Amino acid sequence: MIDIETRHEVYIANRTALVAYATRILGSRETAEDIVQDAFLRFAPANTNTGSPGQTLAYLYKIVRNLSFDFLKRQKVEARERQNEPPFWSIPNEQPTPEEFVSVTDEVRQISQVLNDLPHEVRIALEMHRFGGYTLEEIAAHLGISVATAHRHVRTAMTRVATMLLANAS
């Protein structure tokens, strides 16, 4: 019975050769490195009586080989499954109904009206935050106000828009 430290030494001494072996099977060094790592995780704690270090190395090569072929089989199955799916461009897009289009257009018009009615600084703060992705600190610096005031401006504007949308949804 070979102990774990001996297994580890056999693995470290032959890791490069194992990666090269797996690369020849898989065609990808990156995938081969993953396979060799997986092989070690299965190999290290194994309670098999492999005898000599040479037999231990042969056992490790066998694990790498089996995992490599399992990976290739899994790739083929996944490729077959992808072939059964229709291409994305052949799936029809869901077009909104005329009623949905009018509803969304009406909401945009109402939101635009609420934004036009806001004080200039409040509107700029909301547009920078929601449409520009700016942080409250950046908004405060741009407008020359405190971060708390920038937050209050954004919150005020969002509350007005949400209140208008809720009132019109009823």
N, C-alpha and C. Protein backbone atom coordinates (compact mmCIF):
# COMPACT_ATOMS: atom_id res chain seq x y z
N MET A 1 0.85 -1.18 0.00
CA MET A 1 0.00 0.00 0.00
C MET A 1 0.89 1.24 0.00
N ILE A 2 0.66 2.14 -0.95
CA ILE A 2 1.47 3.35 -1.06
C ILE A 2 0.74 4.47 -0.33
N ASP A 3 1.46 5.22 0.51
CA ASP A 3 0.83 6.27 1.30
C ASP A 3 0.56 7.51 0.45
N ILE A 4 -0.14 8.45 1.04
CA ILE A 4 -0.57 9.66 0.32
C ILE A 4 0.63 10.50 -0.10
N GLU A 5 1.65 10.60 0.74
CA GLU A 5 2.82 11.40 0.38
C GLU A 5 3.52 10.84 -0.86
N THR A 6 3.61 9.52 -0.95
CA THR A 6 4.22 8.91 -2.13
C THR A 6 3.37 9.19 -3.36
N ARG A 7 2.07 9.11 -3.21
CA ARG A 7 1.17 9.43 -4.33
C ARG A 7 1.39 10.87 -4.78
N HIS A 8 1.50 11.76 -3.81
CA HIS A 8 1.72 13.17 -4.13
C HIS A 8 3.05 13.35 -4.86
N GLU A 9 4.09 12.71 -4.42
CA GLU A 9 5.40 12.80 -5.07
C GLU A 9 5.34 12.27 -6.50
N VAL A 10 4.65 11.15 -6.71
CA VAL A 10 4.50 10.59 -8.06
C VAL A 10 3.75 11.59 -8.96
N TYR A 11 2.72 12.20 -8.41
CA TYR A 11 1.94 13.18 -9.17
C TYR A 11 2.80 14.39 -9.55
N ILE A 12 3.48 14.97 -8.57
CA ILE A 12 4.30 16.17 -8.82
C ILE A 12 5.41 15.85 -9.84
N ALA A 13 6.04 14.72 -9.70
CA ALA A 13 7.15 14.36 -10.60
C ALA A 13 6.67 14.15 -12.03
N ASN A 14 5.41 13.77 -12.21
CA ASN A 14 4.92 13.43 -13.55
C ASN A 14 3.82 14.35 -14.05
N ARG A 15 3.56 15.43 -13.35
CA ARG A 15 2.46 16.32 -13.72
C ARG A 15 2.60 16.85 -15.14
N THR A 16 3.77 17.33 -15.51
CA THR A 16 4.00 17.88 -16.85
C THR A 16 3.72 16.83 -17.92
N ALA A 17 4.20 15.62 -17.70
CA ALA A 17 3.97 14.54 -18.68
C ALA A 17 2.49 14.18 -18.73
N LEU A 18 1.80 14.22 -17.59
CA LEU A 18 0.36 13.93 -17.57
C LEU A 18 -0.43 14.99 -18.34
N VAL A 19 -0.04 16.24 -18.16
CA VAL A 19 -0.72 17.33 -18.89
C VAL A 19 -0.48 17.16 -20.39
N ALA A 20 0.73 16.83 -20.78
CA ALA A 20 1.02 16.62 -22.20
C ALA A 20 0.21 15.45 -22.76
N TYR A 21 0.09 14.39 -21.98
CA TYR A 21 -0.70 13.21 -22.38
C TYR A 21 -2.17 13.59 -22.57
N ALA A 22 -2.72 14.31 -21.61
CA ALA A 22 -4.12 14.73 -21.71
C ALA A 22 -4.32 15.73 -22.85
N THR A 23 -3.33 16.59 -23.08
CA THR A 23 -3.43 17.57 -24.17
C THR A 23 -3.53 16.86 -25.52
N ARG A 24 -2.77 15.78 -25.70
CA ARG A 24 -2.83 15.03 -26.96
C ARG A 24 -4.23 14.44 -27.16
N ILE A 25 -4.87 14.03 -26.09
CA ILE A 25 -6.21 13.44 -26.21
C ILE A 25 -7.26 14.53 -26.43
N LEU A 26 -7.14 15.63 -25.68
CA LEU A 26 -8.18 16.65 -25.67
C LEU A 26 -7.98 17.77 -26.69
N GLY A 27 -6.73 18.03 -27.03
CA GLY A 27 -6.45 19.12 -27.97
C GLY A 27 -6.43 20.48 -27.32
N SER A 28 -6.49 20.54 -26.00
CA SER A 28 -6.49 21.82 -25.29
C SER A 28 -5.67 21.67 -24.01
N ARG A 29 -4.63 22.49 -23.90
CA ARG A 29 -3.79 22.41 -22.71
C ARG A 29 -4.56 22.86 -21.47
N GLU A 30 -5.36 23.89 -21.62
CA GLU A 30 -6.13 24.40 -20.49
C GLU A 30 -7.06 23.32 -19.93
N THR A 31 -7.78 22.66 -20.81
CA THR A 31 -8.67 21.59 -20.38
C THR A 31 -7.88 20.43 -19.81
N ALA A 32 -6.72 20.14 -20.42
CA ALA A 32 -5.87 19.05 -19.93
C ALA A 32 -5.41 19.32 -18.50
N GLU A 33 -5.07 20.56 -18.20
CA GLU A 33 -4.65 20.89 -16.84
C GLU A 33 -5.78 20.67 -15.85
N ASP A 34 -7.00 21.03 -16.24
CA ASP A 34 -8.16 20.78 -15.38
C ASP A 34 -8.36 19.28 -15.16
N ILE A 35 -8.23 18.50 -16.22
CA ILE A 35 -8.41 17.05 -16.13
C ILE A 35 -7.36 16.43 -15.22
N VAL A 36 -6.11 16.87 -15.36
CA VAL A 36 -5.03 16.32 -14.53
C VAL A 36 -5.27 16.68 -13.06
N GLN A 37 -5.75 17.88 -12.82
CA GLN A 37 -6.08 18.27 -11.44
C GLN A 37 -7.19 17.38 -10.89
N ASP A 38 -8.24 17.17 -11.68
CA ASP A 38 -9.32 16.28 -11.26
C ASP A 38 -8.80 14.86 -11.01
N ALA A 39 -7.90 14.43 -11.87
CA ALA A 39 -7.34 13.08 -11.72
C ALA A 39 -6.60 12.97 -10.39
N PHE A 40 -5.84 14.00 -10.04
CA PHE A 40 -5.13 13.95 -8.77
C PHE A 40 -6.10 13.90 -7.60
N LEU A 41 -7.19 14.66 -7.68
CA LEU A 41 -8.17 14.65 -6.59
C LEU A 41 -8.80 13.27 -6.42
N ARG A 42 -8.92 12.53 -7.49
CA ARG A 42 -9.45 11.16 -7.40
C ARG A 42 -8.36 10.18 -7.00
N PHE A 43 -7.15 10.48 -7.39
CA PHE A 43 -6.02 9.57 -7.20
C PHE A 43 -5.47 9.63 -5.77
N ALA A 44 -5.34 10.83 -5.21
CA ALA A 44 -4.66 11.00 -3.93
C ALA A 44 -5.29 10.21 -2.79
N PRO A 45 -6.59 10.28 -2.59
CA PRO A 45 -7.14 9.56 -1.44
C PRO A 45 -7.48 8.09 -1.73
N ALA A 46 -7.21 7.62 -2.93
CA ALA A 46 -7.61 6.26 -3.30
C ALA A 46 -7.00 5.22 -2.36
N ASN A 47 -7.79 4.24 -2.02
CA ASN A 47 -7.34 3.18 -1.12
C ASN A 47 -7.03 1.91 -1.89
N THR A 48 -6.45 2.08 -3.05
CA THR A 48 -6.13 0.90 -3.85
C THR A 48 -4.72 0.46 -3.56
N ASN A 49 -4.49 -0.80 -3.64
CA ASN A 49 -3.16 -1.35 -3.42
C ASN A 49 -2.50 -1.48 -4.78
N THR A 50 -1.83 -0.41 -5.20
CA THR A 50 -1.23 -0.40 -6.54
C THR A 50 0.18 -0.95 -6.54
N GLY A 51 0.75 -1.18 -5.38
CA GLY A 51 2.08 -1.77 -5.33
C GLY A 51 3.18 -0.76 -5.52
N SER A 52 3.96 -0.91 -6.57
CA SER A 52 5.15 -0.08 -6.80
C SER A 52 4.78 1.30 -7.33
N PRO A 53 5.74 2.24 -7.24
CA PRO A 53 5.50 3.57 -7.82
C PRO A 53 5.21 3.51 -9.32
N GLY A 54 5.79 2.56 -10.03
CA GLY A 54 5.52 2.41 -11.46
C GLY A 54 4.06 2.04 -11.71
N GLN A 55 3.54 1.16 -10.90
CA GLN A 55 2.12 0.79 -11.02
C GLN A 55 1.23 1.95 -10.61
N THR A 56 1.68 2.71 -9.62
CA THR A 56 0.93 3.88 -9.18
C THR A 56 0.85 4.90 -10.32
N LEU A 57 1.96 5.10 -11.02
CA LEU A 57 1.97 6.03 -12.15
C LEU A 57 1.05 5.54 -13.27
N ALA A 58 1.07 4.25 -13.53
CA ALA A 58 0.18 3.69 -14.56
C ALA A 58 -1.28 3.91 -14.18
N TYR A 59 -1.58 3.75 -12.91
CA TYR A 59 -2.94 3.97 -12.41
C TYR A 59 -3.34 5.45 -12.61
N LEU A 60 -2.42 6.37 -12.34
CA LEU A 60 -2.68 7.80 -12.53
C LEU A 60 -2.92 8.11 -14.01
N TYR A 61 -2.12 7.54 -14.89
CA TYR A 61 -2.32 7.74 -16.33
C TYR A 61 -3.70 7.21 -16.74
N LYS A 62 -4.11 6.10 -16.17
CA LYS A 62 -5.41 5.52 -16.51
C LYS A 62 -6.55 6.46 -16.08
N ILE A 63 -6.40 7.07 -14.91
CA ILE A 63 -7.42 8.02 -14.44
C ILE A 63 -7.48 9.22 -15.39
N VAL A 64 -6.31 9.74 -15.79
CA VAL A 64 -6.27 10.89 -16.71
C VAL A 64 -6.92 10.52 -18.04
N ARG A 65 -6.60 9.35 -18.54
CA ARG A 65 -7.16 8.88 -19.81
C ARG A 65 -8.68 8.77 -19.73
N ASN A 66 -9.18 8.13 -18.68
CA ASN A 66 -10.62 7.95 -18.53
C ASN A 66 -11.35 9.28 -18.38
N LEU A 67 -10.80 10.18 -17.58
CA LEU A 67 -11.43 11.49 -17.42
C LEU A 67 -11.42 12.27 -18.73
N SER A 68 -10.35 12.15 -19.49
CA SER A 68 -10.27 12.85 -20.79
C SER A 68 -11.34 12.34 -21.74
N PHE A 69 -11.48 11.01 -21.83
CA PHE A 69 -12.50 10.45 -22.72
C PHE A 69 -13.90 10.77 -22.22
N ASP A 70 -14.10 10.80 -20.92
CA ASP A 70 -15.41 11.19 -20.37
C ASP A 70 -15.73 12.63 -20.76
N PHE A 71 -14.72 13.50 -20.69
CA PHE A 71 -14.91 14.90 -21.07
C PHE A 71 -15.30 15.01 -22.54
N LEU A 72 -14.60 14.28 -23.40
CA LEU A 72 -14.90 14.32 -24.84
C LEU A 72 -16.31 13.81 -25.12
N LYS A 73 -16.71 12.72 -24.45
CA LYS A 73 -18.08 12.20 -24.62
C LYS A 73 -19.11 13.24 -24.19
N ARG A 74 -18.85 13.88 -23.05
CA ARG A 74 -19.78 14.89 -22.54
C ARG A 74 -19.89 16.04 -23.52
N GLN A 75 -18.77 16.44 -24.13
CA GLN A 75 -18.78 17.52 -25.13
C GLN A 75 -19.64 17.13 -26.34
N LYS A 76 -19.51 15.89 -26.80
CA LYS A 76 -20.29 15.43 -27.96
C LYS A 76 -21.77 15.44 -27.65
N VAL A 77 -22.14 14.98 -26.47
CA VAL A 77 -23.56 14.97 -26.07
C VAL A 77 -24.09 16.39 -26.02
N GLU A 78 -23.33 17.30 -25.41
CA GLU A 78 -23.77 18.69 -25.32
C GLU A 78 -23.89 19.32 -26.70
N ALA A 79 -22.98 19.00 -27.60
CA ALA A 79 -23.04 19.53 -28.97
C ALA A 79 -24.28 19.02 -29.69
N ARG A 80 -24.59 17.73 -29.48
CA ARG A 80 -25.79 17.16 -30.09
C ARG A 80 -27.05 17.85 -29.56
N GLU A 81 -27.08 18.11 -28.28
CA GLU A 81 -28.24 18.79 -27.69
C GLU A 81 -28.38 20.20 -28.24
N ARG A 82 -27.25 20.89 -28.43
CA ARG A 82 -27.30 22.24 -28.99
C ARG A 82 -27.80 22.22 -30.43
N GLN A 83 -27.48 21.15 -31.16
CA GLN A 83 -27.93 21.05 -32.55
C GLN A 83 -29.44 20.88 -32.63
N ASN A 84 -30.03 20.31 -31.60
CA ASN A 84 -31.47 20.10 -31.61
C ASN A 84 -32.25 21.39 -31.34
N GLU A 85 -31.58 22.38 -30.80
CA GLU A 85 -32.24 23.66 -30.54
C GLU A 85 -32.23 24.49 -31.82
N PRO A 86 -33.32 25.17 -32.11
CA PRO A 86 -33.32 26.02 -33.31
C PRO A 86 -32.40 27.22 -33.10
N PRO A 87 -31.82 27.75 -34.16
CA PRO A 87 -30.96 28.93 -34.02
C PRO A 87 -31.77 30.11 -33.50
N PHE A 88 -31.11 30.97 -32.74
CA PHE A 88 -31.80 32.09 -32.10
C PHE A 88 -32.53 32.97 -33.10
N TRP A 89 -31.97 33.10 -34.31
CA TRP A 89 -32.58 34.00 -35.29
C TRP A 89 -33.86 33.42 -35.89
N SER A 90 -34.11 32.12 -35.69
CA SER A 90 -35.33 31.53 -36.24
C SER A 90 -36.51 31.60 -35.29
N ILE A 91 -36.24 31.97 -34.03
CA ILE A 91 -37.32 32.08 -33.05
C ILE A 91 -37.97 33.45 -33.22
N PRO A 92 -39.27 33.48 -33.41
CA PRO A 92 -39.92 34.78 -33.64
C PRO A 92 -39.86 35.68 -32.41
N ASN A 93 -39.64 36.95 -32.66
CA ASN A 93 -39.66 37.94 -31.57
C ASN A 93 -41.10 38.22 -31.19
N GLU A 94 -41.31 38.41 -29.91
CA GLU A 94 -42.65 38.79 -29.48
C GLU A 94 -42.81 40.28 -29.71
N GLN A 95 -43.70 40.64 -30.57
CA GLN A 95 -43.99 42.03 -30.85
C GLN A 95 -45.10 42.50 -29.92
N PRO A 96 -44.98 43.71 -29.39
CA PRO A 96 -46.05 44.19 -28.53
C PRO A 96 -47.32 44.44 -29.35
N THR A 97 -48.44 44.24 -28.68
CA THR A 97 -49.70 44.52 -29.34
C THR A 97 -49.85 46.04 -29.47
N PRO A 98 -50.72 46.50 -30.34
CA PRO A 98 -50.92 47.95 -30.45
C PRO A 98 -51.34 48.59 -29.11
N GLU A 99 -52.12 47.86 -28.32
CA GLU A 99 -52.56 48.39 -27.02
C GLU A 99 -51.37 48.54 -26.08
N GLU A 100 -50.46 47.53 -26.07
CA GLU A 100 -49.28 47.61 -25.21
C GLU A 100 -48.38 48.75 -25.65
N PHE A 101 -48.23 48.92 -26.96
CA PHE A 101 -47.41 50.00 -27.49
C PHE A 101 -47.96 51.36 -27.07
N VAL A 102 -49.26 51.54 -27.18
CA VAL A 102 -49.90 52.81 -26.79
C VAL A 102 -49.74 53.05 -25.30
N SER A 103 -49.89 51.97 -24.50
CA SER A 103 -49.76 52.09 -23.05
C SER A 103 -48.36 52.53 -22.65
N VAL A 104 -47.35 51.90 -23.23
CA VAL A 104 -45.97 52.27 -22.91
C VAL A 104 -45.67 53.69 -23.39
N THR A 105 -46.12 54.03 -24.56
CA THR A 105 -45.90 55.38 -25.08
C THR A 105 -46.55 56.41 -24.18
N ASP A 106 -47.75 56.10 -23.69
CA ASP A 106 -48.46 57.01 -22.79
C ASP A 106 -47.69 57.16 -21.47
N GLU A 107 -47.16 56.05 -20.94
CA GLU A 107 -46.37 56.13 -19.70
C GLU A 107 -45.12 56.97 -19.90
N VAL A 108 -44.44 56.81 -21.04
CA VAL A 108 -43.24 57.59 -21.32
C VAL A 108 -43.60 59.07 -21.41
N ARG A 109 -44.72 59.37 -22.04
CA ARG A 109 -45.15 60.77 -22.15
C ARG A 109 -45.43 61.35 -20.76
N GLN A 110 -46.09 60.56 -19.89
CA GLN A 110 -46.40 61.02 -18.54
C GLN A 110 -45.13 61.21 -17.71
N ILE A 111 -44.19 60.30 -17.83
CA ILE A 111 -42.93 60.42 -17.10
C ILE A 111 -42.18 61.65 -17.59
N SER A 112 -42.18 61.87 -18.89
CA SER A 112 -41.53 63.05 -19.46
C SER A 112 -42.16 64.32 -18.90
N GLN A 113 -43.47 64.34 -18.76
CA GLN A 113 -44.15 65.51 -18.20
C GLN A 113 -43.75 65.74 -16.75
N VAL A 114 -43.67 64.64 -15.96
CA VAL A 114 -43.25 64.76 -14.56
C VAL A 114 -41.82 65.30 -14.50
N LEU A 115 -40.94 64.79 -15.36
CA LEU A 115 -39.56 65.27 -15.37
C LEU A 115 -39.47 66.74 -15.75
N ASN A 116 -40.30 67.18 -16.68
CA ASN A 116 -40.32 68.59 -17.10
C ASN A 116 -40.80 69.50 -15.98
N ASP A 117 -41.67 68.98 -15.11
CA ASP A 117 -42.22 69.77 -14.01
C ASP A 117 -41.27 69.86 -12.81
N LEU A 118 -40.22 69.02 -12.78
CA LEU A 118 -39.27 69.03 -11.67
C LEU A 118 -38.38 70.25 -11.73
N PRO A 119 -37.89 70.72 -10.57
CA PRO A 119 -36.88 71.78 -10.58
C PRO A 119 -35.64 71.28 -11.34
N HIS A 120 -34.92 72.22 -11.95
CA HIS A 120 -33.80 71.88 -12.83
C HIS A 120 -32.77 70.97 -12.14
N GLU A 121 -32.33 71.32 -10.94
CA GLU A 121 -31.31 70.52 -10.23
C GLU A 121 -31.81 69.11 -9.93
N VAL A 122 -33.06 68.99 -9.56
CA VAL A 122 -33.64 67.68 -9.22
C VAL A 122 -33.69 66.81 -10.48
N ARG A 123 -34.10 67.41 -11.58
CA ARG A 123 -34.16 66.66 -12.84
C ARG A 123 -32.76 66.20 -13.28
N ILE A 124 -31.79 67.09 -13.20
CA ILE A 124 -30.41 66.74 -13.58
C ILE A 124 -29.91 65.60 -12.69
N ALA A 125 -30.18 65.69 -11.39
CA ALA A 125 -29.74 64.65 -10.45
C ALA A 125 -30.35 63.30 -10.83
N LEU A 126 -31.64 63.28 -11.13
CA LEU A 126 -32.31 62.03 -11.51
C LEU A 126 -31.76 61.49 -12.82
N GLU A 127 -31.62 62.34 -13.80
CA GLU A 127 -31.11 61.89 -15.11
C GLU A 127 -29.69 61.35 -15.00
N MET A 128 -28.85 62.01 -14.21
CA MET A 128 -27.48 61.54 -14.04
C MET A 128 -27.46 60.18 -13.34
N HIS A 129 -28.30 60.03 -12.33
CA HIS A 129 -28.30 58.79 -11.55
C HIS A 129 -28.93 57.62 -12.31
N ARG A 130 -30.13 57.83 -12.84
CA ARG A 130 -30.86 56.72 -13.47
C ARG A 130 -30.43 56.44 -14.90
N PHE A 131 -30.14 57.48 -15.67
CA PHE A 131 -29.83 57.29 -17.09
C PHE A 131 -28.32 57.28 -17.35
N GLY A 132 -27.57 58.03 -16.54
CA GLY A 132 -26.12 58.11 -16.76
C GLY A 132 -25.32 57.16 -15.90
N GLY A 133 -25.95 56.61 -14.86
CA GLY A 133 -25.25 55.67 -13.98
C GLY A 133 -24.25 56.34 -13.05
N TYR A 134 -24.38 57.63 -12.84
CA TYR A 134 -23.46 58.34 -11.95
C TYR A 134 -23.78 58.03 -10.50
N THR A 135 -22.74 58.09 -9.65
CA THR A 135 -22.94 57.90 -8.22
C THR A 135 -23.44 59.20 -7.61
N LEU A 136 -23.95 59.10 -6.40
CA LEU A 136 -24.43 60.30 -5.72
C LEU A 136 -23.28 61.28 -5.48
N GLU A 137 -22.09 60.76 -5.21
CA GLU A 137 -20.93 61.62 -5.00
C GLU A 137 -20.60 62.41 -6.28
N GLU A 138 -20.68 61.74 -7.43
CA GLU A 138 -20.40 62.41 -8.70
C GLU A 138 -21.47 63.46 -9.01
N ILE A 139 -22.70 63.13 -8.70
CA ILE A 139 -23.80 64.08 -8.93
C ILE A 139 -23.61 65.32 -8.05
N ALA A 140 -23.28 65.07 -6.76
CA ALA A 140 -23.07 66.18 -5.83
C ALA A 140 -21.94 67.08 -6.31
N ALA A 141 -20.85 66.49 -6.77
CA ALA A 141 -19.72 67.30 -7.26
C ALA A 141 -20.11 68.09 -8.50
N HIS A 142 -20.86 67.48 -9.40
CA HIS A 142 -21.28 68.15 -10.63
C HIS A 142 -22.21 69.34 -10.34
N LEU A 143 -23.13 69.14 -9.40
CA LEU A 143 -24.12 70.18 -9.11
C LEU A 143 -23.64 71.15 -8.02
N GLY A 144 -22.53 70.82 -7.36
CA GLY A 144 -22.02 71.69 -6.29
C GLY A 144 -22.89 71.64 -5.05
N ILE A 145 -23.41 70.47 -4.73
CA ILE A 145 -24.27 70.28 -3.55
C ILE A 145 -23.70 69.14 -2.71
N SER A 146 -24.28 68.94 -1.53
CA SER A 146 -23.81 67.84 -0.68
C SER A 146 -24.36 66.51 -1.21
N VAL A 147 -23.74 65.42 -0.77
CA VAL A 147 -24.20 64.09 -1.17
C VAL A 147 -25.61 63.85 -0.64
N ALA A 148 -25.89 64.30 0.57
CA ALA A 148 -27.23 64.13 1.15
C ALA A 148 -28.28 64.86 0.31
N THR A 149 -27.94 66.03 -0.16
CA THR A 149 -28.88 66.79 -1.00
C THR A 149 -29.05 66.09 -2.35
N ALA A 150 -27.99 65.57 -2.91
CA ALA A 150 -28.10 64.82 -4.17
C ALA A 150 -29.02 63.62 -3.98
N HIS A 151 -28.86 62.93 -2.86
CA HIS A 151 -29.73 61.78 -2.56
C HIS A 151 -31.18 62.23 -2.43
N ARG A 152 -31.39 63.34 -1.75
CA ARG A 152 -32.75 63.85 -1.56
C ARG A 152 -33.36 64.23 -2.91
N HIS A 153 -32.58 64.82 -3.80
CA HIS A 153 -33.08 65.18 -5.14
C HIS A 153 -33.50 63.92 -5.92
N VAL A 154 -32.65 62.91 -5.93
CA VAL A 154 -32.97 61.68 -6.66
C VAL A 154 -34.20 61.02 -6.06
N ARG A 155 -34.25 60.95 -4.73
CA ARG A 155 -35.39 60.32 -4.06
C ARG A 155 -36.69 61.08 -4.34
N THR A 156 -36.63 62.39 -4.31
CA THR A 156 -37.81 63.21 -4.59
C THR A 156 -38.32 62.95 -6.00
N ALA A 157 -37.41 62.96 -6.97
CA ALA A 157 -37.80 62.75 -8.36
C ALA A 157 -38.38 61.34 -8.56
N MET A 158 -37.73 60.33 -8.00
CA MET A 158 -38.22 58.96 -8.14
C MET A 158 -39.59 58.79 -7.48
N THR A 159 -39.79 59.44 -6.35
CA THR A 159 -41.08 59.37 -5.66
C THR A 159 -42.17 59.99 -6.52
N ARG A 160 -41.88 61.12 -7.12
CA ARG A 160 -42.89 61.78 -7.98
C ARG A 160 -43.25 60.91 -9.19
N VAL A 161 -42.24 60.31 -9.82
CA VAL A 161 -42.49 59.43 -10.97
C VAL A 161 -43.30 58.21 -10.53
N ALA A 162 -42.91 57.59 -9.42
CA ALA A 162 -43.62 56.40 -8.94
C ALA A 162 -45.05 56.73 -8.55
N THR A 163 -45.27 57.86 -7.89
CA THR A 163 -46.62 58.29 -7.49
C THR A 163 -47.49 58.50 -8.72
N MET A 164 -46.94 59.14 -9.75
CA MET A 164 -47.71 59.36 -10.99
C MET A 164 -48.07 58.02 -11.65
N LEU A 165 -47.11 57.09 -11.70
CA LEU A 165 -47.36 55.80 -12.33
C LEU A 165 -48.40 55.00 -11.56
N LEU A 166 -48.34 55.05 -10.21
CA LEU A 166 -49.33 54.33 -9.40
C LEU A 166 -50.73 54.96 -9.54
N ALA A 167 -50.79 56.29 -9.59
CA ALA A 167 -52.07 56.96 -9.74
C ALA A 167 -52.71 56.62 -11.08
N ASN A 168 -51.92 56.51 -12.13
CA ASN A 168 -52.45 56.22 -13.45
C ASN A 168 -52.74 54.73 -13.65
N ALA A 169 -52.12 53.87 -12.82
CA ALA A 169 -52.37 52.42 -12.93
C ALA A 169 -53.73 52.07 -12.31
N SER A 170 -54.20 52.91 -11.41
CA SER A 170 -55.48 52.60 -10.74
C SER A 170 -56.67 52.86 -11.61
